[in-house]
PDB file of all heavy atoms in Angstrom:
ATOM      1  N   VAL A   1     110.415 191.149 196.614  1.00  0.00           N
ATOM      2  CA  VAL A   1     109.070 191.542 196.209  1.00  0.00           C
ATOM      3  C   VAL A   1     108.515 190.384 195.384  1.00  0.00           C
ATOM      4  O   VAL A   1     109.168 189.930 194.444  1.00  0.00           O
ATOM      5  CB  VAL A   1     109.105 192.831 195.354  1.00  0.00           C
ATOM      6  CG1 VAL A   1     107.738 193.142 194.793  1.00  0.00           C
ATOM      7  CG2 VAL A   1     109.627 193.992 196.167  1.00  0.00           C
ATOM      8  N   GLU A   2     107.325 189.890 195.737  1.00  0.00           N
ATOM      9  CA  GLU A   2     106.756 188.753 195.038  1.00  0.00           C
ATOM     10  C   GLU A   2     105.661 189.192 194.072  1.00  0.00           C
ATOM     11  O   GLU A   2     104.718 189.865 194.451  1.00  0.00           O
ATOM     12  CB  GLU A   2     106.198 187.746 196.044  1.00  0.00           C
ATOM     13  CG  GLU A   2     107.279 187.117 196.884  1.00  0.00           C
ATOM     14  CD  GLU A   2     106.779 185.979 197.762  1.00  0.00           C
ATOM     15  OE1 GLU A   2     105.621 185.544 197.571  1.00  0.00           O
ATOM     16  OE2 GLU A   2     107.538 185.547 198.627  1.00  0.00           O
ATOM     17  N   LEU A   3     105.822 188.784 192.816  1.00  0.00           N
ATOM     18  CA  LEU A   3     104.822 189.025 191.781  1.00  0.00           C
ATOM     19  C   LEU A   3     104.081 187.726 191.493  1.00  0.00           C
ATOM     20  O   LEU A   3     104.701 186.662 191.409  1.00  0.00           O
ATOM     21  CB  LEU A   3     105.476 189.502 190.483  1.00  0.00           C
ATOM     22  CG  LEU A   3     106.077 190.884 190.453  1.00  0.00           C
ATOM     23  CD1 LEU A   3     106.840 191.101 189.156  1.00  0.00           C
ATOM     24  CD2 LEU A   3     104.992 191.918 190.570  1.00  0.00           C
ATOM     25  N   THR A   4     102.780 187.821 191.320  1.00  0.00           N
ATOM     26  CA  THR A   4     101.998 186.633 190.981  1.00  0.00           C
ATOM     27  C   THR A   4     102.068 186.396 189.475  1.00  0.00           C
ATOM     28  O   THR A   4     102.414 187.302 188.704  1.00  0.00           O
ATOM     29  CB  THR A   4     100.525 186.789 191.398  1.00  0.00           C
ATOM     30  OG1 THR A   4      99.938 187.829 190.610  1.00  0.00           O
ATOM     31  CG2 THR A   4     100.393 187.099 192.880  1.00  0.00           C
ATOM     32  N   LEU A   5     101.700 185.195 189.059  1.00  0.00           N
ATOM     33  CA  LEU A   5     101.659 184.908 187.625  1.00  0.00           C
ATOM     34  C   LEU A   5     100.631 185.792 186.929  1.00  0.00           C
ATOM     35  O   LEU A   5     100.827 186.194 185.781  1.00  0.00           O
ATOM     36  CB  LEU A   5     101.324 183.432 187.396  1.00  0.00           C
ATOM     37  CG  LEU A   5     102.468 182.455 187.619  1.00  0.00           C
ATOM     38  CD1 LEU A   5     101.989 181.021 187.452  1.00  0.00           C
ATOM     39  CD2 LEU A   5     103.617 182.733 186.676  1.00  0.00           C
ATOM     40  N   GLU A   6      99.533 186.111 187.614  1.00  0.00           N
ATOM     41  CA  GLU A   6      98.524 187.005 187.040  1.00  0.00           C
ATOM     42  C   GLU A   6      99.118 188.387 186.752  1.00  0.00           C
ATOM     43  O   GLU A   6      98.843 188.985 185.710  1.00  0.00           O
ATOM     44  CB  GLU A   6      97.338 187.169 187.984  1.00  0.00           C
ATOM     45  CG  GLU A   6      96.476 185.949 188.083  1.00  0.00           C
ATOM     46  CD  GLU A   6      95.367 186.115 189.102  1.00  0.00           C
ATOM     47  OE1 GLU A   6      95.421 187.062 189.926  1.00  0.00           O
ATOM     48  OE2 GLU A   6      94.443 185.306 189.072  1.00  0.00           O
ATOM     49  N   GLU A   7      99.908 188.893 187.685  1.00  0.00           N
ATOM     50  CA  GLU A   7     100.521 190.213 187.502  1.00  0.00           C
ATOM     51  C   GLU A   7     101.514 190.210 186.345  1.00  0.00           C
ATOM     52  O   GLU A   7     101.547 191.136 185.538  1.00  0.00           O
ATOM     53  CB  GLU A   7     101.198 190.663 188.796  1.00  0.00           C
ATOM     54  CG  GLU A   7     100.203 190.980 189.893  1.00  0.00           C
ATOM     55  CD  GLU A   7     100.830 191.119 191.259  1.00  0.00           C
ATOM     56  OE1 GLU A   7     101.897 190.515 191.520  1.00  0.00           O
ATOM     57  OE2 GLU A   7     100.229 191.823 192.090  1.00  0.00           O
ATOM     58  N   ILE A   8     102.315 189.148 186.239  1.00  0.00           N
ATOM     59  CA  ILE A   8     103.269 189.042 185.142  1.00  0.00           C
ATOM     60  C   ILE A   8     102.538 188.907 183.814  1.00  0.00           C
ATOM     61  O   ILE A   8     102.927 189.507 182.805  1.00  0.00           O
ATOM     62  CB  ILE A   8     104.234 187.848 185.362  1.00  0.00           C
ATOM     63  CG1 ILE A   8     105.207 188.183 186.482  1.00  0.00           C
ATOM     64  CG2 ILE A   8     104.985 187.478 184.101  1.00  0.00           C
ATOM     65  CD1 ILE A   8     106.115 189.346 186.189  1.00  0.00           C
ATOM     66  N   GLU A   9     101.454 188.131 183.787  1.00  0.00           N
ATOM     67  CA  GLU A   9     100.677 187.974 182.559  1.00  0.00           C
ATOM     68  C   GLU A   9     100.061 189.304 182.124  1.00  0.00           C
ATOM     69  O   GLU A   9     100.108 189.671 180.938  1.00  0.00           O
ATOM     70  CB  GLU A   9      99.580 186.919 182.755  1.00  0.00           C
ATOM     71  CG  GLU A   9      98.660 186.740 181.568  1.00  0.00           C
ATOM     72  CD  GLU A   9      99.294 186.046 180.370  1.00  0.00           C
ATOM     73  OE1 GLU A   9     100.527 185.875 180.323  1.00  0.00           O
ATOM     74  OE2 GLU A   9      98.546 185.691 179.451  1.00  0.00           O
ATOM     75  N   ALA A  10      99.504 190.040 183.064  1.00  0.00           N
ATOM     76  CA  ALA A  10      98.921 191.353 182.748  1.00  0.00           C
ATOM     77  C   ALA A  10      99.990 192.286 182.194  1.00  0.00           C
ATOM     78  O   ALA A  10      99.767 192.981 181.192  1.00  0.00           O
ATOM     79  CB  ALA A  10      98.267 191.951 183.989  1.00  0.00           C
ATOM     80  N   TYR A  11     101.149 192.309 182.820  1.00  0.00           N
ATOM     81  CA  TYR A  11     102.269 193.148 182.369  1.00  0.00           C
ATOM     82  C   TYR A  11     102.740 192.729 180.973  1.00  0.00           C
ATOM     83  O   TYR A  11     102.971 193.561 180.107  1.00  0.00           O
ATOM     84  CB  TYR A  11     103.409 193.036 183.381  1.00  0.00           C
ATOM     85  CG  TYR A  11     104.477 194.080 183.200  1.00  0.00           C
ATOM     86  CD1 TYR A  11     104.359 195.324 183.796  1.00  0.00           C
ATOM     87  CD2 TYR A  11     105.614 193.814 182.447  1.00  0.00           C
ATOM     88  CE1 TYR A  11     105.344 196.293 183.635  1.00  0.00           C
ATOM     89  CE2 TYR A  11     106.589 194.763 182.276  1.00  0.00           C
ATOM     90  CZ  TYR A  11     106.457 196.005 182.871  1.00  0.00           C
ATOM     91  OH  TYR A  11     107.410 196.956 182.702  1.00  0.00           O
ATOM     92  N   ARG A  12     102.847 191.430 180.754  1.00  0.00           N
ATOM     93  CA  ARG A  12     103.298 190.903 179.456  1.00  0.00           C
ATOM     94  C   ARG A  12     102.312 191.262 178.337  1.00  0.00           C
ATOM     95  O   ARG A  12     102.715 191.712 177.270  1.00  0.00           O
ATOM     96  CB  ARG A  12     103.447 189.378 179.546  1.00  0.00           C
ATOM     97  CG  ARG A  12     103.920 188.725 178.251  1.00  0.00           C
ATOM     98  CD  ARG A  12     103.965 187.214 178.402  1.00  0.00           C
ATOM     99  NE  ARG A  12     102.636 186.641 178.370  1.00  0.00           N
ATOM    100  CZ  ARG A  12     101.996 186.282 177.249  1.00  0.00           C
ATOM    101  NH1 ARG A  12     102.561 186.445 176.073  1.00  0.00           N
ATOM    102  NH2 ARG A  12     100.787 185.758 177.312  1.00  0.00           N
ATOM    103  N   LEU A  13     101.024 191.067 178.593  1.00  0.00           N
ATOM    104  CA  LEU A  13     100.030 191.366 177.566  1.00  0.00           C
ATOM    105  C   LEU A  13     100.071 192.840 177.179  1.00  0.00           C
ATOM    106  O   LEU A  13      99.952 193.187 176.010  1.00  0.00           O
ATOM    107  CB  LEU A  13      98.632 190.978 178.054  1.00  0.00           C
ATOM    108  CG  LEU A  13      98.360 189.480 178.169  1.00  0.00           C
ATOM    109  CD1 LEU A  13      97.019 189.247 178.847  1.00  0.00           C
ATOM    110  CD2 LEU A  13      98.420 188.799 176.821  1.00  0.00           C
ATOM    111  N   ARG A  14     100.239 193.705 178.172  1.00  0.00           N
ATOM    112  CA  ARG A  14     100.220 195.145 177.908  1.00  0.00           C
ATOM    113  C   ARG A  14     101.497 195.630 177.239  1.00  0.00           C
ATOM    114  O   ARG A  14     101.470 196.390 176.286  1.00  0.00           O
ATOM    115  CB  ARG A  14      99.995 195.905 179.226  1.00  0.00           C
ATOM    116  CG  ARG A  14     100.020 197.404 179.089  1.00  0.00           C
ATOM    117  CD  ARG A  14      98.816 197.895 178.280  1.00  0.00           C
ATOM    118  NE  ARG A  14      98.918 199.302 178.024  1.00  0.00           N
ATOM    119  CZ  ARG A  14      99.328 199.812 176.855  1.00  0.00           C
ATOM    120  NH1 ARG A  14      99.631 199.028 175.851  1.00  0.00           N
ATOM    121  NH2 ARG A  14      99.412 201.111 176.698  1.00  0.00           N
ATOM    122  N   HIS A  15     102.660 195.190 177.741  1.00  0.00           N
ATOM    123  CA  HIS A  15     103.920 195.790 177.303  1.00  0.00           C
ATOM    124  C   HIS A  15     104.715 194.960 176.301  1.00  0.00           C
ATOM    125  O   HIS A  15     105.509 195.530 175.546  1.00  0.00           O
ATOM    126  CB  HIS A  15     104.788 196.145 178.508  1.00  0.00           C
ATOM    127  CG  HIS A  15     104.144 197.182 179.375  1.00  0.00           C
ATOM    128  ND1 HIS A  15     104.056 198.497 178.999  1.00  0.00           N
ATOM    129  CD2 HIS A  15     103.501 197.079 180.553  1.00  0.00           C
ATOM    130  CE1 HIS A  15     103.397 199.181 179.936  1.00  0.00           C
ATOM    131  NE2 HIS A  15     103.053 198.337 180.880  1.00  0.00           N
ATOM    132  N   VAL A  16     104.550 193.668 176.295  1.00  0.00           N
ATOM    133  CA  VAL A  16     105.265 192.837 175.326  1.00  0.00           C
ATOM    134  C   VAL A  16     104.393 192.602 174.099  1.00  0.00           C
ATOM    135  O   VAL A  16     104.836 192.777 172.963  1.00  0.00           O
ATOM    136  CB  VAL A  16     105.706 191.490 175.953  1.00  0.00           C
ATOM    137  CG1 VAL A  16     106.351 190.587 174.920  1.00  0.00           C
ATOM    138  CG2 VAL A  16     106.668 191.753 177.108  1.00  0.00           C
ATOM    139  N   ASN A  17     103.127 192.240 174.338  1.00  0.00           N
ATOM    140  CA  ASN A  17     102.202 191.981 173.230  1.00  0.00           C
ATOM    141  C   ASN A  17     101.526 193.246 172.714  1.00  0.00           C
ATOM    142  O   ASN A  17     100.832 193.199 171.703  1.00  0.00           O
ATOM    143  CB  ASN A  17     101.141 190.963 173.638  1.00  0.00           C
ATOM    144  CG  ASN A  17     101.727 189.584 173.860  1.00  0.00           C
ATOM    145  OD1 ASN A  17     102.911 189.378 173.721  1.00  0.00           O
ATOM    146  ND2 ASN A  17     100.891 188.647 174.211  1.00  0.00           N
ATOM    147  N   LYS A  18     101.701 194.354 173.436  1.00  0.00           N
ATOM    148  CA  LYS A  18     101.157 195.661 173.038  1.00  0.00           C
ATOM    149  C   LYS A  18      99.633 195.659 172.863  1.00  0.00           C
ATOM    150  O   LYS A  18      99.102 196.300 171.959  1.00  0.00           O
ATOM    151  CB  LYS A  18     101.806 196.153 171.744  1.00  0.00           C
ATOM    152  CG  LYS A  18     103.310 196.125 171.733  1.00  0.00           C
ATOM    153  CD  LYS A  18     103.872 197.380 172.322  1.00  0.00           C
ATOM    154  CE  LYS A  18     105.369 197.431 172.053  1.00  0.00           C
ATOM    155  NZ  LYS A  18     106.160 197.566 173.214  1.00  0.00           N
ATOM    156  N   LEU A  19      98.930 194.935 173.720  1.00  0.00           N
ATOM    157  CA  LEU A  19      97.468 194.911 173.675  1.00  0.00           C
ATOM    158  C   LEU A  19      96.907 196.021 174.550  1.00  0.00           C
ATOM    159  O   LEU A  19      97.529 196.414 175.529  1.00  0.00           O
ATOM    160  CB  LEU A  19      96.941 193.560 174.170  1.00  0.00           C
ATOM    161  CG  LEU A  19      97.379 192.326 173.373  1.00  0.00           C
ATOM    162  CD1 LEU A  19      96.797 191.074 174.024  1.00  0.00           C
ATOM    163  CD2 LEU A  19      96.963 192.417 171.928  1.00  0.00           C
ATOM    164  N   ASP A  20      95.724 196.509 174.204  1.00  0.00           N
ATOM    165  CA  ASP A  20      95.090 197.504 175.070  1.00  0.00           C
ATOM    166  C   ASP A  20      94.381 196.801 176.236  1.00  0.00           C
ATOM    167  O   ASP A  20      94.360 195.574 176.320  1.00  0.00           O
ATOM    168  CB  ASP A  20      94.149 198.422 174.294  1.00  0.00           C
ATOM    169  CG  ASP A  20      92.940 197.703 173.711  1.00  0.00           C
ATOM    170  OD1 ASP A  20      92.608 196.592 174.152  1.00  0.00           O
ATOM    171  OD2 ASP A  20      92.310 198.264 172.800  1.00  0.00           O
ATOM    172  N   GLN A  21      93.825 197.600 177.125  1.00  0.00           N
ATOM    173  CA  GLN A  21      93.224 197.062 178.348  1.00  0.00           C
ATOM    174  C   GLN A  21      92.079 196.091 178.052  1.00  0.00           C
ATOM    175  O   GLN A  21      92.002 195.013 178.667  1.00  0.00           O
ATOM    176  CB  GLN A  21      92.716 198.210 179.218  1.00  0.00           C
ATOM    177  CG  GLN A  21      92.070 197.744 180.501  1.00  0.00           C
ATOM    178  CD  GLN A  21      91.670 198.901 181.397  1.00  0.00           C
ATOM    179  OE1 GLN A  21      92.307 199.938 181.364  1.00  0.00           O
ATOM    180  NE2 GLN A  21      90.648 198.709 182.182  1.00  0.00           N
ATOM    181  N   LYS A  22      91.241 196.431 177.115  1.00  0.00           N
ATOM    182  CA  LYS A  22      90.077 195.589 176.805  1.00  0.00           C
ATOM    183  C   LYS A  22      90.516 194.239 176.234  1.00  0.00           C
ATOM    184  O   LYS A  22      90.018 193.188 176.651  1.00  0.00           O
ATOM    185  CB  LYS A  22      89.167 196.325 175.817  1.00  0.00           C
ATOM    186  CG  LYS A  22      87.881 195.623 175.547  1.00  0.00           C
ATOM    187  CD  LYS A  22      86.993 196.463 174.642  1.00  0.00           C
ATOM    188  CE  LYS A  22      85.689 195.746 174.347  1.00  0.00           C
ATOM    189  NZ  LYS A  22      84.838 196.513 173.449  1.00  0.00           N
ATOM    190  N   GLU A  23      91.446 194.260 175.279  1.00  0.00           N
ATOM    191  CA  GLU A  23      91.933 193.019 174.681  1.00  0.00           C
ATOM    192  C   GLU A  23      92.658 192.150 175.711  1.00  0.00           C
ATOM    193  O   GLU A  23      92.471 190.928 175.741  1.00  0.00           O
ATOM    194  CB  GLU A  23      92.890 193.318 173.528  1.00  0.00           C
ATOM    195  CG  GLU A  23      92.243 193.964 172.328  1.00  0.00           C
ATOM    196  CD  GLU A  23      93.269 194.425 171.321  1.00  0.00           C
ATOM    197  OE1 GLU A  23      94.306 194.989 171.731  1.00  0.00           O
ATOM    198  OE2 GLU A  23      93.019 194.218 170.128  1.00  0.00           O
ATOM    199  N   SER A  24      93.456 192.773 176.562  1.00  0.00           N
ATOM    200  CA  SER A  24      94.187 192.040 177.586  1.00  0.00           C
ATOM    201  C   SER A  24      93.231 191.397 178.580  1.00  0.00           C
ATOM    202  O   SER A  24      93.403 190.234 178.962  1.00  0.00           O
ATOM    203  CB  SER A  24      95.142 192.970 178.328  1.00  0.00           C
ATOM    204  OG  SER A  24      96.101 193.492 177.448  1.00  0.00           O
ATOM    205  N   ALA A  25      92.217 192.132 178.980  1.00  0.00           N
ATOM    206  CA  ALA A  25      91.228 191.592 179.918  1.00  0.00           C
ATOM    207  C   ALA A  25      90.498 190.408 179.308  1.00  0.00           C
ATOM    208  O   ALA A  25      90.261 189.392 179.993  1.00  0.00           O
ATOM    209  CB  ALA A  25      90.239 192.682 180.328  1.00  0.00           C
ATOM    210  N   GLN A  26      90.167 190.487 178.030  1.00  0.00           N
ATOM    211  CA  GLN A  26      89.505 189.375 177.362  1.00  0.00           C
ATOM    212  C   GLN A  26      90.393 188.145 177.326  1.00  0.00           C
ATOM    213  O   GLN A  26      89.932 187.026 177.551  1.00  0.00           O
ATOM    214  CB  GLN A  26      89.093 189.773 175.946  1.00  0.00           C
ATOM    215  CG  GLN A  26      87.937 190.738 175.910  1.00  0.00           C
ATOM    216  CD  GLN A  26      87.656 191.271 174.517  1.00  0.00           C
ATOM    217  OE1 GLN A  26      88.469 191.115 173.594  1.00  0.00           O
ATOM    218  NE2 GLN A  26      86.516 191.935 174.361  1.00  0.00           N
ATOM    219  N   LYS A  27      91.683 188.347 177.037  1.00  0.00           N
ATOM    220  CA  LYS A  27      92.616 187.210 177.010  1.00  0.00           C
ATOM    221  C   LYS A  27      92.749 186.549 178.376  1.00  0.00           C
ATOM    222  O   LYS A  27      92.935 185.341 178.471  1.00  0.00           O
ATOM    223  CB  LYS A  27      93.982 187.652 176.515  1.00  0.00           C
ATOM    224  CG  LYS A  27      93.996 187.992 175.050  1.00  0.00           C
ATOM    225  CD  LYS A  27      95.254 187.446 174.425  1.00  0.00           C
ATOM    226  CE  LYS A  27      95.273 187.817 172.975  1.00  0.00           C
ATOM    227  NZ  LYS A  27      95.179 186.670 172.110  1.00  0.00           N
ATOM    228  N   MET A  28      92.677 187.351 179.443  1.00  0.00           N
ATOM    229  CA  MET A  28      92.789 186.813 180.801  1.00  0.00           C
ATOM    230  C   MET A  28      91.438 186.354 181.348  1.00  0.00           C
ATOM    231  O   MET A  28      91.368 185.840 182.451  1.00  0.00           O
ATOM    232  CB  MET A  28      93.410 187.845 181.744  1.00  0.00           C
ATOM    233  CG  MET A  28      94.879 188.056 181.504  1.00  0.00           C
ATOM    234  SD  MET A  28      95.632 189.176 182.699  1.00  0.00           S
ATOM    235  CE  MET A  28      95.584 188.188 184.178  1.00  0.00           C
ATOM    236  N   LYS A  29      90.377 186.548 180.556  1.00  0.00           N
ATOM    237  CA  LYS A  29      89.017 186.169 180.951  1.00  0.00           C
ATOM    238  C   LYS A  29      88.606 186.843 182.251  1.00  0.00           C
ATOM    239  O   LYS A  29      88.164 186.194 183.203  1.00  0.00           O
ATOM    240  CB  LYS A  29      88.875 184.652 181.043  1.00  0.00           C
ATOM    241  CG  LYS A  29      89.113 183.954 179.719  1.00  0.00           C
ATOM    242  CD  LYS A  29      88.660 182.528 179.751  1.00  0.00           C
ATOM    243  CE  LYS A  29      89.007 181.780 178.509  1.00  0.00           C
ATOM    244  NZ  LYS A  29      88.417 182.161 177.303  1.00  0.00           N
ATOM    245  N   THR A  30      88.781 188.160 182.282  1.00  0.00           N
ATOM    246  CA  THR A  30      88.414 188.956 183.440  1.00  0.00           C
ATOM    247  C   THR A  30      87.839 190.293 182.961  1.00  0.00           C
ATOM    248  O   THR A  30      87.916 190.618 181.791  1.00  0.00           O
ATOM    249  CB  THR A  30      89.629 189.165 184.369  1.00  0.00           C
ATOM    250  OG1 THR A  30      89.201 189.737 185.579  1.00  0.00           O
ATOM    251  CG2 THR A  30      90.691 190.016 183.737  1.00  0.00           C
ATOM    252  N   SER A  31      87.293 191.046 183.879  1.00  0.00           N
ATOM    253  CA  SER A  31      86.760 192.359 183.508  1.00  0.00           C
ATOM    254  C   SER A  31      87.919 193.349 183.320  1.00  0.00           C
ATOM    255  O   SER A  31      89.022 193.142 183.833  1.00  0.00           O
ATOM    256  CB  SER A  31      85.817 192.880 184.585  1.00  0.00           C
ATOM    257  OG  SER A  31      86.539 193.203 185.746  1.00  0.00           O
ATOM    258  N   ALA A  32      87.628 194.417 182.601  1.00  0.00           N
ATOM    259  CA  ALA A  32      88.653 195.437 182.357  1.00  0.00           C
ATOM    260  C   ALA A  32      89.108 196.085 183.662  1.00  0.00           C
ATOM    261  O   ALA A  32      90.292 196.369 183.840  1.00  0.00           O
ATOM    262  CB  ALA A  32      88.129 196.496 181.391  1.00  0.00           C
ATOM    263  N   SER A  33      88.181 196.299 184.594  1.00  0.00           N
ATOM    264  CA  SER A  33      88.562 196.929 185.865  1.00  0.00           C
ATOM    265  C   SER A  33      89.427 196.003 186.718  1.00  0.00           C
ATOM    266  O   SER A  33      90.374 196.446 187.358  1.00  0.00           O
ATOM    267  CB  SER A  33      87.315 197.382 186.639  1.00  0.00           C
ATOM    268  OG  SER A  33      86.494 196.284 186.928  1.00  0.00           O
TER     269      SER A  33
END
């Protein structure tokens, strides 16, 4: 199963850094959706 760096970054921000969806989206420079 192949994960992209974007998927790993999203997972890391949410579960390792404990950020909420809005903060994580801002860090990735993308929309919340």
